[in-house]
Structures are given as C-alpha cells and as structure tokens.
Amino acid sequence: MTLDELEQGKSAVIESIEVTGMTLQRLISLGFTPGAELSVVRKAPLLDPFDISICGSLVAVRKEEAKKIIVNSGT
C-alpha cells in the first residue's frame, strides 16, 4: 500500500521510498526512512497535501510524494 492510500488516523511503517534525487534527500531529512513509523493526521479537502506525524514532527507531504512511499499498516 502507498501512503496516499492510508486512511486518516491510521498508522503504518515505511517499507520503501520510490523516489530519487532531491526529493529523496528531503524525505530522508524529515525522517522518512524504511522502518520509521508514521500516521496520517489529516488529509486536506482535495487530498493534497497530507499532514503526517513522523519522528515527533508534523510534516506536510504532497500527494505525488505520498504515492511513492510504500507502507505496511499491518492489516
């Protein structure tokens, strides 16, 4: 499942990130690494951006980025 498919209020663990370059560097610097736990705090009305809680921070992630983050919700 990708992060954009995760429901608001649900948690998951990052399995992989399918981006490269500066986008990957930005996500890593924000704590988006394989094994990190995150949760979807809020999805904007038009589903862009998402507010994600990760590593004790609240981070806004664009839908296009969220589609590239593979997560496992354990369900």
Protein backbone atom coordinates (compact mmCIF):
# COMPACT_ATOMS: atom_id res chain seq x y z
CA MET A 1 0.00 0.00 0.00
CA THR A 2 1.19 3.55 -0.60
CA LEU A 3 0.99 6.40 1.89
CA ASP A 4 -1.72 8.19 -0.10
CA GLU A 5 -3.97 5.12 0.40
CA LEU A 6 -3.58 5.10 4.19
CA GLU A 7 -6.70 6.39 5.93
CA GLN A 8 -6.68 9.47 8.15
CA GLY A 9 -5.95 8.49 11.75
CA LYS A 10 -4.18 5.24 10.78
CA SER A 11 -0.55 4.32 11.39
CA ALA A 12 1.93 2.36 9.28
CA VAL A 13 5.61 1.55 8.90
CA ILE A 14 7.60 2.68 5.85
CA GLU A 15 8.80 -0.24 3.73
CA SER A 16 10.45 1.70 0.90
CA ILE A 17 10.57 5.04 -0.89
CA GLU A 18 10.45 5.06 -4.67
CA VAL A 19 11.90 8.50 -5.42
CA THR A 20 15.41 9.74 -6.11
CA GLY A 21 17.45 12.92 -6.03
CA MET A 22 16.47 15.98 -4.05
CA THR A 23 13.01 14.65 -3.22
CA LEU A 24 14.53 11.56 -1.61
CA GLN A 25 17.05 13.70 0.29
CA ARG A 26 14.23 15.94 1.59
CA LEU A 27 12.12 12.99 2.73
CA ILE A 28 15.08 11.33 4.47
CA SER A 29 15.94 14.58 6.26
CA LEU A 30 12.35 14.68 7.57
CA GLY A 31 12.60 11.13 8.95
CA PHE A 32 11.04 9.18 6.09
CA THR A 33 13.27 6.10 6.19
CA PRO A 34 12.45 2.39 5.92
CA GLY A 35 11.28 1.13 9.31
CA ALA A 36 10.03 4.52 10.51
CA GLU A 37 6.50 4.60 11.92
CA LEU A 38 4.15 7.33 10.76
CA SER A 39 0.48 8.26 10.96
CA VAL A 40 -1.85 10.31 8.79
CA VAL A 41 -3.04 13.21 10.94
CA ARG A 42 -5.10 15.00 8.28
CA LYS A 43 -5.86 14.85 4.59
CA ALA A 44 -6.68 18.21 3.01
CA PRO A 45 -10.12 18.53 1.35
CA LEU A 46 -8.65 17.99 -2.12
CA LEU A 47 -6.29 15.32 -0.72
CA ASP A 48 -3.22 17.48 -1.22
CA PRO A 49 -1.20 17.85 0.97
CA PHE A 50 -1.37 15.29 3.78
CA ASP A 51 -0.28 16.10 7.33
CA ILE A 52 1.90 13.23 8.53
CA SER A 53 3.19 12.62 12.05
CA ILE A 54 6.68 11.10 11.92
CA CYS A 55 9.64 11.14 14.34
CA GLY A 56 7.82 13.52 16.69
CA SER A 57 7.17 16.09 13.96
CA LEU A 58 4.20 17.10 11.83
CA VAL A 59 5.15 17.16 8.14
CA ALA A 60 3.13 18.15 5.06
CA VAL A 61 3.56 15.71 2.17
CA ARG A 62 2.26 16.23 -1.36
CA LYS A 63 0.03 13.55 -2.86
CA GLU A 64 2.58 12.86 -5.61
CA GLU A 65 5.22 12.17 -2.96
CA ALA A 66 2.83 10.06 -0.87
CA LYS A 67 2.17 7.83 -3.90
CA LYS A 68 5.89 6.91 -3.90
CA ILE A 69 6.12 5.93 -0.22
CA ILE A 70 5.35 2.24 0.31
CA VAL A 71 3.95 1.47 3.78
CA ASN A 72 2.71 -1.53 5.74
CA SER A 73 -0.22 -0.90 8.06
CA GLY A 74 -0.13 -4.42 9.45
CA THR A 75 -3.69 -5.19 8.37
